[in-house]
């Protein structure tokens, strides 16, 4: 056994995240850790990696296990290049090379016996370097960098100048180069485009060691995992097979429990009725007492509380003009051009998807259309009567504001009831509503931003990766809401499963990019 978690309990305030749960990881298991937003999946990773101490229970790893953890919230040191970060995966080998150099440097001052001893040590260390292919490190770094699209960005670029998606890719590449015994991956596909998701899929299918993967990407889960651990209502339950097999078993278990609950409730009702009618009569009192004893000793079935499923209904403004925007030889960029001249026209009611690799300028193009970034050259002509709603990929510096503060700030005329009701419709319960935004999970933060968007009257939605972090129910509901939306939509997304049913046009931005 590689990892054994026993009798784990943990909570925040009066809310239980885990209640006496157990979990095990065996050699070669490819596990999907799934559950709704805010159920505690990332918290579980923090506990098993020692970043967080549980309230109770034990976490035992096998001896000498090297664990690699891809963390949603990891940061990179300023001043390092992409190449530096990737090569740091081999720091332990560079340390060995330094030891060898020190040994050679010290050989001039020793006798023959000591020299032989030192040469033997050099030989042993040299074997370690060769077994880890030390002299091909640059080739390995470039191989993984190419597979994850980092060569296009440039390996000598400073990591602090990159987007969130690019930083995630670098951390993933470093992790894969480290080749740990166990991989812990927290939503690795969030910032990856289709080509790189396919590469990661192949990599994980061929991966001989064990991994635990947190993901809401159902096709990806189905293609790489052979076990599901489902987190719900402070419990973790194990299911053999992929996500689809889990759903079959879960639905069956749920319907069996509901049937047993109904049958038992009927029996309880009949027993209570019999006791109430017969306990006062001498002739039937014993029978009534017997029924009461049965009631008292009954193991009552409790149904788990139903999860609050989000409801997204976009408020629609009056219709916009026929043309939403027309770009004329638009060249996007900051200090220097990122694109060739772009000519795209969008008409009212169209739902356009921008696809393509990370870092090639999809967000920059979106912001240039919105007028948030000035064009290098060319122009964007916006239509009349546009009421735009913009969903940004990342929240910057939420500070100590709560969800209520965020919505009230946006809609100051709302009553407290209206604020709470709006948040509840987006799947955020009382405990989320009163929490600071910065302590919420990525999915809960995304639901908060969607709450702002659906309560504003719009006729054009510009959505930058809105499905990142959202759980399966929220994704399905957002897909339904965008399908029904009468306005126009520009969407950046890497999940064809999400947009194929409603997109009227798909634009591959890489065709215009100078960063290919």
Protein backbone atom coordinates (compact mmCIF):
# COMPACT_ATOMS: atom_id res chain seq x y z
CA UNK A 1 0.00 0.00 0.00
CA UNK A 2 1.35 3.43 -1.00
CA UNK A 3 -1.00 5.63 1.00
CA UNK A 4 -3.38 4.78 3.83
CA UNK A 5 -5.76 7.38 5.28
CA UNK A 6 -7.71 6.15 8.32
CA UNK A 7 -10.55 7.71 10.35
CA UNK A 8 -9.94 11.17 8.91
CA UNK A 9 -12.09 14.03 10.23
CA UNK A 10 -11.69 17.67 9.38
CA UNK A 11 -13.80 20.81 9.40
CA UNK A 12 -13.80 24.57 9.06
CA UNK A 13 -15.77 26.35 11.80
CA UNK A 14 -18.98 24.41 12.41
CA UNK A 15 -18.89 22.76 8.98
CA UNK A 16 -17.60 19.18 8.66
CA UNK A 17 -15.54 18.64 5.49
CA UNK A 18 -14.72 15.00 6.34
CA UNK A 19 -16.29 12.81 8.97
CA UNK A 20 -14.34 9.65 9.87
CA UNK A 21 -13.36 8.75 6.28
CA UNK A 22 -10.85 6.20 5.04
CA UNK A 23 -8.94 6.05 1.76
CA UNK A 24 -6.17 3.88 0.31
CA UNK A 25 -3.91 4.08 -2.71
CA UNK A 26 -2.32 0.94 -4.15
CA UNK A 27 0.46 0.56 -6.72
CA UNK A 28 -0.63 1.40 -10.27
CA UNK A 29 -4.08 2.72 -9.33
CA UNK A 30 -5.31 5.59 -11.48
CA UNK A 31 -7.86 7.37 -9.29
CA UNK A 32 -10.36 10.10 -10.11
CA UNK A 33 -11.27 12.15 -7.00
CA UNK A 34 -14.61 13.76 -7.84
CA UNK A 35 -17.39 15.74 -6.20
CA UNK A 36 -19.28 19.03 -6.38
CA UNK A 37 -17.51 22.37 -5.93
CA UNK A 38 -16.62 23.05 -2.30
CA UNK A 39 -16.91 19.42 -1.09
CA UNK A 40 -13.23 19.41 -0.03
CA UNK A 41 -11.26 17.72 -2.83
CA UNK A 42 -8.36 20.22 -2.78
CA UNK A 43 -8.51 20.17 1.05
CA UNK A 44 -7.95 16.39 0.86
CA UNK A 45 -4.80 16.98 -1.21
CA UNK A 46 -3.60 19.58 1.32
CA UNK A 47 -4.08 17.04 4.13
CA UNK A 48 -2.31 14.11 2.45
CA UNK A 49 0.63 16.33 1.39
CA UNK A 50 1.03 17.61 4.96
CA UNK A 51 0.11 21.23 4.15
CA UNK A 52 -2.89 20.96 6.45
CA UNK A 53 -3.21 19.06 9.73
CA UNK A 54 -6.49 17.11 10.03
CA UNK A 55 -8.61 17.41 13.19
CA UNK A 56 -8.41 13.61 13.65
CA UNK A 57 -7.18 10.48 11.88
CA UNK A 58 -3.91 9.29 10.35
CA UNK A 59 -2.18 9.72 6.98
CA UNK A 60 0.53 7.13 6.28
CA UNK A 61 2.71 7.06 3.17
CA UNK A 62 4.94 4.10 2.29
CA UNK A 63 8.67 4.72 2.98
CA UNK A 64 10.71 6.66 0.40
CA UNK A 65 7.74 7.57 -1.81
CA UNK A 66 8.34 10.67 -3.95
CA UNK A 67 5.08 12.61 -4.33
CA UNK A 68 4.57 15.19 -7.08
CA UNK A 69 1.73 17.66 -6.51
CA UNK A 70 0.23 19.94 -9.18
CA UNK A 71 -1.47 22.59 -7.08
CA UNK A 72 -4.13 24.99 -8.48
CA UNK A 73 -2.64 27.80 -6.38
CA UNK A 74 1.13 27.21 -6.77
CA UNK A 75 3.30 30.24 -7.52
CA UNK A 76 6.57 30.60 -9.43
CA UNK A 77 9.57 32.67 -8.31
CA UNK A 78 10.14 35.96 -10.17
CA UNK A 79 13.37 36.13 -12.16
CA UNK A 80 13.33 32.46 -13.23
CA UNK A 81 12.99 31.55 -16.89
CA UNK A 82 10.76 28.70 -18.09
CA UNK A 83 13.94 26.67 -18.77
CA UNK A 84 15.19 27.30 -15.19
CA UNK A 85 11.92 26.03 -13.71
CA UNK A 86 11.91 22.92 -15.91
CA UNK A 87 15.57 22.13 -15.19
CA UNK A 88 14.90 22.48 -11.44
CA UNK A 89 13.07 19.14 -11.77
CA UNK A 90 16.56 17.63 -11.91
CA UNK A 91 18.09 19.54 -8.97
CA UNK A 92 18.95 16.29 -7.17
CA UNK A 93 21.06 15.23 -10.20
CA UNK A 94 22.83 18.61 -10.37
CA UNK A 95 23.66 18.15 -6.66
CA UNK A 96 25.23 14.77 -7.48
CA UNK A 97 27.25 16.35 -10.32
CA UNK A 98 28.54 18.98 -7.83
CA UNK A 99 29.55 16.15 -5.43
CA UNK A 100 31.51 14.46 -8.26
CA UNK A 101 33.29 17.74 -9.09
CA UNK A 102 34.18 18.22 -5.40
CA UNK A 103 35.58 14.68 -5.23
CA UNK A 104 37.77 15.25 -8.31
CA UNK A 105 38.96 18.59 -6.90
CA UNK A 106 40.01 16.90 -3.64
CA UNK A 107 41.93 14.01 -5.24
CA UNK A 108 45.23 15.90 -5.59
CA UNK A 109 45.80 16.02 -1.79
CA UNK A 110 45.18 12.36 -0.80
CA UNK A 111 47.09 9.06 -0.67
CA UNK A 112 46.47 6.15 -3.04
CA UNK A 113 43.99 4.27 -0.79
CA UNK A 114 41.89 7.38 -0.28
CA UNK A 115 42.11 8.11 -4.00
CA UNK A 116 40.73 4.62 -4.85
CA UNK A 117 37.95 5.10 -2.31
CA UNK A 118 37.04 8.46 -3.86
CA UNK A 119 37.16 7.03 -7.40
CA UNK A 120 34.78 4.26 -6.31
CA UNK A 121 32.38 6.86 -4.92
CA UNK A 122 32.62 8.85 -8.18
CA UNK A 123 31.78 5.63 -10.08
CA UNK A 124 28.67 5.03 -7.95
CA UNK A 125 27.50 8.63 -8.35
CA UNK A 126 28.25 8.51 -12.09
CA UNK A 127 26.01 5.43 -12.42
CA UNK A 128 23.14 7.34 -10.78
CA UNK A 129 23.59 10.20 -13.27
CA UNK A 130 23.66 7.81 -16.23
CA UNK A 131 20.65 5.80 -15.03
CA UNK A 132 18.67 9.07 -14.87
CA UNK A 133 19.89 10.07 -18.36
CA UNK A 134 21.58 13.17 -16.88
CA UNK A 135 23.50 14.06 -20.02
CA UNK A 136 20.27 14.31 -22.03
CA UNK A 137 18.48 16.69 -19.65
CA UNK A 138 18.25 19.50 -22.22
CA UNK A 139 16.72 17.09 -24.75
CA UNK A 140 14.17 15.85 -22.15
CA UNK A 141 13.27 19.40 -21.11
CA UNK A 142 12.64 20.40 -24.72
CA UNK A 143 10.65 17.21 -25.43
CA UNK A 144 8.14 17.86 -22.61
CA UNK A 145 8.15 21.62 -23.30
CA UNK A 146 7.26 20.94 -26.95
CA UNK A 147 4.51 18.47 -25.98
CA UNK A 148 2.84 21.06 -23.72
CA UNK A 149 3.28 24.01 -26.09
CA UNK A 150 5.96 25.83 -24.09
CA UNK A 151 8.46 26.11 -26.95
CA UNK A 152 6.11 28.59 -28.69
CA UNK A 153 6.23 30.87 -25.62
CA UNK A 154 10.04 30.69 -25.51
CA UNK A 155 12.00 28.84 -22.80
CA UNK A 156 14.04 31.93 -21.93
CA UNK A 157 11.01 34.07 -21.00
CA UNK A 158 10.57 35.17 -17.36
CA UNK A 159 7.83 33.13 -15.68
CA UNK A 160 6.25 36.22 -14.07
CA UNK A 161 5.24 37.59 -17.49
CA UNK A 162 2.98 34.62 -18.23
CA UNK A 163 -0.77 33.98 -18.01
CA UNK A 164 -2.29 31.69 -15.36
CA UNK A 165 -2.72 28.97 -17.97
CA UNK A 166 0.90 29.16 -19.08
CA UNK A 167 2.12 29.01 -15.46
CA UNK A 168 0.00 25.88 -14.88
CA UNK A 169 1.52 24.25 -17.97
CA UNK A 170 5.06 24.98 -16.70
CA UNK A 171 4.29 23.43 -13.29
CA UNK A 172 2.78 20.39 -15.01
CA UNK A 173 5.82 20.02 -17.28
CA UNK A 174 8.19 20.26 -14.29
CA UNK A 175 6.16 17.63 -12.44
CA UNK A 176 6.23 15.21 -15.38
CA UNK A 177 10.01 15.68 -15.73
CA UNK A 178 10.48 14.87 -12.01
CA UNK A 179 8.82 11.46 -12.61
CA UNK A 180 7.61 11.10 -9.00
CA UNK A 181 6.29 7.77 -7.69
CA UNK A 182 2.85 9.34 -7.20
CA UNK A 183 1.20 12.17 -9.11
CA UNK A 184 -1.42 14.36 -7.41
CA UNK A 185 -3.11 16.45 -10.11
CA UNK A 186 -5.62 19.16 -9.16
CA UNK A 187 -7.67 20.03 -12.28
CA UNK A 188 -4.72 19.79 -14.72
CA UNK A 189 -6.88 20.23 -17.86
CA UNK A 190 -8.30 23.60 -16.77
CA UNK A 191 -5.78 25.63 -18.73
CA UNK A 192 -4.82 23.11 -21.38
CA UNK A 193 -6.13 23.25 -24.94
CA UNK A 194 -7.38 20.21 -26.85
CA UNK A 195 -4.00 19.17 -28.35
CA UNK A 196 -2.24 19.25 -24.98
CA UNK A 197 -5.12 17.48 -23.21
CA UNK A 198 -4.72 14.66 -25.76
CA UNK A 199 -0.98 14.51 -25.01
CA UNK A 200 -1.59 14.41 -21.23
CA UNK A 201 -4.22 11.71 -21.75
CA UNK A 202 -1.67 9.51 -23.55
CA UNK A 203 0.98 10.25 -20.91
CA UNK A 204 -1.32 9.24 -18.02
CA UNK A 205 -2.52 6.11 -19.81
CA UNK A 206 1.09 4.97 -20.17
CA UNK A 207 2.04 6.10 -16.64
CA UNK A 208 3.09 3.00 -14.68
CA UNK A 209 2.90 4.58 -11.23
CA UNK A 210 -0.21 5.62 -9.31
CA UNK A 211 -1.95 8.96 -9.58
CA UNK A 212 -4.89 10.78 -8.02
CA UNK A 213 -6.65 13.22 -10.31
CA UNK A 214 -9.18 15.90 -9.33
CA UNK A 215 -11.21 16.84 -12.41
CA UNK A 216 -14.66 17.87 -13.63
CA UNK A 217 -13.77 17.01 -17.24
CA UNK A 218 -15.85 13.85 -17.78
CA UNK A 219 -14.38 12.70 -21.16
CA UNK A 220 -10.87 13.13 -19.71
CA UNK A 221 -11.72 11.18 -16.53
CA UNK A 222 -13.28 8.39 -18.58
CA UNK A 223 -10.14 8.02 -20.65
CA UNK A 224 -7.52 7.88 -17.85
CA UNK A 225 -8.94 6.53 -14.54
CA UNK A 226 -9.82 3.02 -13.36
CA UNK A 227 -11.18 3.95 -9.91
CA UNK A 228 -13.43 6.74 -8.65
CA UNK A 229 -13.48 8.12 -5.11
CA UNK A 230 -16.58 10.30 -4.71
CA UNK A 231 -16.57 13.10 -2.11
CA UNK A 232 -20.06 14.03 -0.85
CA UNK A 233 -21.61 15.05 2.48
CA UNK A 234 -18.30 14.66 4.40
CA UNK A 235 -17.86 11.06 3.13
CA UNK A 236 -15.58 9.45 0.52
CA UNK A 237 -16.95 6.40 -1.31
CA UNK A 238 -15.02 4.09 -3.64
CA UNK A 239 -16.30 2.88 -7.03
CA UNK A 240 -14.48 0.57 -9.46
CA UNK A 241 -14.32 1.77 -13.07
CA UNK A 242 -14.45 5.11 -14.88
CA UNK A 243 -16.82 8.08 -14.37
CA UNK A 244 -19.68 6.57 -16.43
CA UNK A 245 -19.52 3.32 -14.41
CA UNK A 246 -19.53 5.41 -11.22
CA UNK A 247 -22.65 7.30 -12.35
CA UNK A 248 -24.50 4.02 -13.08
CA UNK A 249 -23.62 2.60 -9.65
CA UNK A 250 -24.28 5.91 -7.86
CA UNK A 251 -27.75 6.37 -9.41
CA UNK A 252 -28.66 2.75 -8.65
CA UNK A 253 -27.49 3.08 -5.04
CA UNK A 254 -29.41 6.34 -4.69
CA UNK A 255 -32.68 4.90 -6.08
CA UNK A 256 -32.37 1.77 -3.87
CA UNK A 257 -31.86 3.97 -0.80
CA UNK A 258 -34.85 6.15 -1.74
CA UNK A 259 -37.05 3.06 -2.23
CA UNK A 260 -35.94 1.63 1.17
CA UNK A 261 -36.55 5.05 2.78
CA UNK A 262 -40.12 5.29 1.39
CA UNK A 263 -40.92 1.72 2.48
CA UNK A 264 -39.56 2.37 6.00
CA UNK A 265 -41.40 5.70 6.31
CA UNK A 266 -44.64 3.92 5.39
CA UNK A 267 -43.94 1.27 8.04
CA UNK A 268 -43.12 3.95 10.67
CA UNK A 269 -46.34 5.77 9.85
CA UNK A 270 -48.42 2.57 10.25
CA UNK A 271 -46.69 1.64 13.53
CA UNK A 272 -47.19 5.13 14.97
CA UNK A 273 -50.83 5.09 13.93
CA UNK A 274 -51.38 1.66 15.56
CA UNK A 275 -49.69 2.79 18.82
CA UNK A 276 -51.73 6.02 18.95
CA UNK A 277 -55.02 4.13 18.44
CA UNK A 278 -54.33 1.20 20.76
CA UNK A 279 -52.10 2.28 23.68
CA UNK A 280 -55.06 3.50 25.78
CA UNK A 281 -57.13 0.31 25.45
CA UNK A 282 -56.41 -2.44 27.98
CA UNK A 283 -57.05 -5.24 25.47
CA UNK A 284 -54.54 -3.93 22.92
CA UNK A 285 -52.03 -2.12 25.14
CA UNK A 286 -49.43 -4.95 24.98
CA UNK A 287 -49.56 -5.03 21.20
CA UNK A 288 -49.15 -1.22 21.15
CA UNK A 289 -46.13 -1.45 23.48
CA UNK A 290 -44.61 -4.14 21.27
CA UNK A 291 -45.02 -1.86 18.21
CA UNK A 292 -43.51 1.06 20.17
CA UNK A 293 -40.45 -1.07 21.05
CA UNK A 294 -40.04 -1.91 17.37
CA UNK A 295 -40.21 1.81 16.57
CA UNK A 296 -37.66 2.69 19.27
CA UNK A 297 -35.14 0.09 18.11
CA UNK A 298 -35.53 0.80 14.41
CA UNK A 299 -32.40 1.90 12.52
CA UNK A 300 -33.95 4.85 10.68
CA UNK A 301 -32.74 5.41 7.11
CA UNK A 302 -31.70 9.01 6.46
CA UNK A 303 -31.51 10.44 2.97
CA UNK A 304 -28.50 12.68 2.26
CA UNK A 305 -29.50 16.32 1.82
CA UNK A 306 -30.04 17.17 -1.85
CA UNK A 307 -27.27 19.31 -3.32
CA UNK A 308 -28.28 22.78 -4.34
CA UNK A 309 -28.13 22.63 -8.14
CA UNK A 310 -27.37 25.98 -9.76
CA UNK A 311 -29.88 27.73 -12.01
CA UNK A 312 -28.50 30.21 -14.53
CA UNK A 313 -30.99 32.48 -16.28
CA UNK A 314 -29.34 35.39 -18.07
CA UNK A 315 -31.31 38.65 -17.93
CA UNK A 316 -31.61 40.00 -21.46
CA UNK A 317 -31.41 43.63 -22.53
CA UNK A 318 -33.13 45.10 -25.60
CA UNK A 319 -31.84 43.73 -28.92
CA UNK A 320 -28.53 45.04 -30.21
CA UNK A 321 -27.94 46.33 -33.75
CA UNK A 322 -27.43 43.83 -36.58
CA UNK A 323 -23.63 43.87 -36.28
CA UNK A 324 -22.07 43.25 -32.86
CA UNK A 325 -18.51 43.98 -33.98
CA UNK A 326 -16.40 44.16 -37.13
CA UNK A 327 -12.61 43.94 -36.90
CA UNK A 328 -10.70 45.57 -39.75
CA UNK A 329 -7.08 44.37 -40.06
CA UNK A 330 -6.95 44.31 -36.25
CA UNK A 331 -3.45 43.59 -34.92
CA UNK A 332 -3.47 42.76 -31.20
CA UNK A 333 -0.62 42.96 -28.70
CA UNK A 334 0.94 44.96 -25.91
CA UNK A 335 4.38 46.42 -26.69
CA UNK A 336 4.72 44.35 -29.87
CA UNK A 337 2.23 42.57 -32.18
CA UNK A 338 0.83 39.19 -31.08
CA UNK A 339 -1.27 38.65 -34.20
CA UNK A 340 -1.46 39.02 -37.95
CA UNK A 341 -4.26 41.33 -39.17
CA UNK A 342 -7.61 39.85 -38.03
CA UNK A 343 -10.86 40.34 -39.94
CA UNK A 344 -13.89 38.89 -38.13
CA UNK A 345 -17.52 39.99 -38.30
CA UNK A 346 -20.09 39.05 -35.70
CA UNK A 347 -23.83 39.46 -36.26
CA UNK A 348 -26.61 39.63 -33.66
CA UNK A 349 -27.55 36.20 -32.25
CA UNK A 350 -24.28 34.49 -33.25
CA UNK A 351 -22.45 32.35 -30.72
CA UNK A 352 -18.77 32.32 -31.62
CA UNK A 353 -16.09 30.19 -29.94
CA UNK A 354 -12.42 31.23 -29.94
CA UNK A 355 -10.26 28.12 -29.72
CA UNK A 356 -6.52 27.47 -29.92
CA UNK A 357 -3.45 26.81 -27.76
CA UNK A 358 -2.85 28.75 -24.53
CA UNK A 359 -0.83 31.92 -24.73
CA UNK A 360 -1.50 32.60 -28.44
CA UNK A 361 -3.64 35.65 -27.69
CA UNK A 362 -7.30 34.55 -27.31
CA UNK A 363 -7.82 36.66 -24.16
CA UNK A 364 -5.89 39.56 -25.71
CA UNK A 365 -8.19 39.42 -28.76
CA UNK A 366 -11.27 39.39 -26.50
CA UNK A 367 -9.98 42.39 -24.52
CA UNK A 368 -9.09 44.25 -27.74
CA UNK A 369 -12.64 43.75 -29.03
CA UNK A 370 -13.96 45.08 -25.69
CA UNK A 371 -11.62 48.08 -25.94
CA UNK A 372 -9.77 47.12 -22.72
CA UNK A 373 -6.47 46.86 -24.64
CA UNK A 374 -5.66 49.33 -27.43
CA UNK A 375 -4.94 47.76 -30.82
CA UNK A 376 -1.40 47.87 -32.24
CA UNK A 377 -3.03 48.75 -35.59
CA UNK A 378 -6.33 48.29 -37.42
CA UNK A 379 -9.68 48.85 -35.74
CA UNK A 380 -12.73 47.33 -34.04
CA UNK A 381 -16.10 48.77 -34.96
CA UNK A 382 -18.70 48.02 -32.27
CA UNK A 383 -22.44 47.92 -33.01
CA UNK A 384 -25.12 50.06 -31.36
CA UNK A 385 -27.16 49.35 -28.22
CA UNK A 386 -24.63 46.82 -26.88
CA UNK A 387 -25.06 45.74 -23.24
CA UNK A 388 -22.01 43.56 -22.62
CA UNK A 389 -21.29 41.12 -19.82
CA UNK A 390 -17.65 39.99 -19.39
CA UNK A 391 -16.55 36.87 -17.50
CA UNK A 392 -12.82 37.11 -16.72
CA UNK A 393 -10.67 33.98 -16.39
CA UNK A 394 -9.26 34.88 -12.97
CA UNK A 395 -10.32 37.01 -9.98
CA UNK A 396 -7.55 39.39 -8.98
CA UNK A 397 -7.08 40.33 -5.35
CA UNK A 398 -10.52 39.69 -3.78
CA UNK A 399 -9.15 41.00 -0.44
CA UNK A 400 -11.36 40.32 2.57
CA UNK A 401 -14.69 40.88 0.80
CA UNK A 402 -17.49 38.33 1.28
CA UNK A 403 -19.85 37.04 -1.42
CA UNK A 404 -22.57 39.33 -0.07
CA UNK A 405 -20.21 42.34 -0.34
CA UNK A 406 -19.36 41.42 -3.95
CA UNK A 407 -23.02 41.24 -5.06
CA UNK A 408 -24.10 44.32 -3.07
CA UNK A 409 -21.20 46.27 -4.56
CA UNK A 410 -22.47 45.32 -8.04
CA UNK A 411 -26.20 45.76 -7.28
CA UNK A 412 -26.50 48.33 -4.44
CA UNK A 413 -30.32 48.53 -4.74
CA UNK A 414 -30.78 44.82 -3.87
CA UNK A 415 -32.24 43.92 -0.46
CA UNK A 416 -30.37 41.37 1.65
CA UNK A 417 -33.03 38.80 0.69
CA UNK A 418 -32.45 39.49 -3.03
CA UNK A 419 -28.66 39.17 -2.63
CA UNK A 420 -28.96 35.85 -0.78
CA UNK A 421 -31.55 34.56 -3.24
CA UNK A 422 -29.38 35.47 -6.26
CA UNK A 423 -26.37 33.65 -4.75
CA UNK A 424 -28.46 30.61 -3.77
CA UNK A 425 -29.72 30.26 -7.37
CA UNK A 426 -26.09 29.99 -8.47
CA UNK A 427 -25.52 27.08 -6.07
CA UNK A 428 -23.93 29.06 -3.22
CA UNK A 429 -25.35 28.20 0.21
CA UNK A 430 -25.41 30.27 3.42
CA UNK A 431 -21.93 29.12 4.48
CA UNK A 432 -20.49 30.31 1.12
CA UNK A 433 -22.46 33.55 1.13
CA UNK A 434 -20.95 34.74 4.40
CA UNK A 435 -17.41 33.49 3.60
CA UNK A 436 -14.61 35.66 2.26
CA UNK A 437 -14.19 35.18 -1.48
CA UNK A 438 -10.50 34.25 -1.15
CA UNK A 439 -11.28 31.11 0.93
CA UNK A 440 -13.74 29.72 -1.64
CA UNK A 441 -12.75 26.98 -4.07
CA UNK A 442 -12.11 27.86 -7.74
CA UNK A 443 -15.55 26.53 -8.69
CA UNK A 444 -17.33 28.53 -5.99
CA UNK A 445 -15.54 31.72 -7.12
CA UNK A 446 -16.63 31.03 -10.72
CA UNK A 447 -20.26 30.68 -9.55
CA UNK A 448 -19.99 34.04 -7.78
CA UNK A 449 -18.75 35.72 -10.99
CA UNK A 450 -21.57 34.07 -12.96
CA UNK A 451 -24.03 35.40 -10.36
CA UNK A 452 -22.91 38.95 -11.18
CA UNK A 453 -23.26 38.27 -14.88
CA UNK A 454 -26.73 36.69 -14.93
CA UNK A 455 -28.24 39.46 -12.82
CA UNK A 456 -27.15 42.20 -15.22
CA UNK A 457 -29.18 42.84 -18.38
CA UNK A 458 -27.02 41.94 -21.38
CA UNK A 459 -27.32 41.24 -25.07
CA UNK A 460 -23.65 40.26 -25.61
CA UNK A 461 -21.71 37.87 -23.38
CA UNK A 462 -17.90 37.62 -23.57
CA UNK A 463 -16.83 34.56 -21.60
CA UNK A 464 -13.16 33.68 -21.00
CA UNK A 465 -12.89 29.99 -19.98
CA UNK A 466 -16.07 30.01 -17.83
CA UNK A 467 -16.05 26.20 -17.40
CA UNK A 468 -12.68 26.13 -15.59
CA UNK A 469 -13.26 24.79 -12.05
CA UNK A 470 -17.05 24.34 -12.50
CA UNK A 471 -18.47 20.99 -11.39
CA UNK A 472 -20.47 18.76 -13.76
CA UNK A 473 -23.93 20.05 -12.69
CA UNK A 474 -22.90 23.70 -13.05
CA UNK A 475 -21.36 23.05 -16.49
CA UNK A 476 -24.52 21.35 -17.72
CA UNK A 477 -26.68 24.21 -16.42
CA UNK A 478 -24.41 26.85 -18.02
CA UNK A 479 -24.57 24.98 -21.33
CA UNK A 480 -28.39 24.98 -21.13
CA UNK A 481 -28.50 28.70 -20.23
CA UNK A 482 -26.18 29.69 -23.12
CA UNK A 483 -28.19 27.57 -25.56
CA UNK A 484 -31.38 29.40 -24.53
CA UNK A 485 -29.78 32.88 -24.41
CA UNK A 486 -31.23 35.06 -27.19
CA UNK A 487 -28.26 37.44 -27.21
CA UNK A 488 -24.82 37.01 -28.80
CA UNK A 489 -21.95 35.05 -27.21
CA UNK A 490 -18.17 35.12 -27.66
CA UNK A 491 -16.68 32.19 -25.76
CA UNK A 492 -13.10 31.09 -25.14
CA UNK A 493 -13.20 27.39 -24.29
CA UNK A 494 -11.12 24.22 -24.69
CA UNK A 495 -14.00 21.76 -24.18
CA UNK A 496 -15.76 20.86 -27.46
CA UNK A 497 -18.23 18.75 -25.43
CA UNK A 498 -19.40 21.98 -23.80
CA UNK A 499 -19.89 24.24 -26.82
CA UNK A 500 -20.52 22.03 -29.87
CA UNK A 501 -24.31 21.92 -29.38
CA UNK A 502 -24.84 25.71 -29.43
CA UNK A 503 -21.84 27.33 -31.22
CA UNK A 504 -22.71 28.89 -34.59
CA UNK A 505 -19.05 29.49 -35.52
CA UNK A 506 -15.67 28.26 -34.21
CA UNK A 507 -12.65 30.51 -34.88
CA UNK A 508 -9.18 28.97 -34.52
CA UNK A 509 -7.19 31.97 -33.20
CA UNK A 510 -3.88 30.14 -33.80
CA UNK A 511 -4.37 30.90 -37.53
CA UNK A 512 -3.87 34.60 -36.74
CA UNK A 513 -1.25 34.21 -34.01
CA UNK A 514 2.39 35.21 -34.37
CA UNK A 515 3.23 33.05 -31.33
CA UNK A 516 2.80 29.67 -32.99
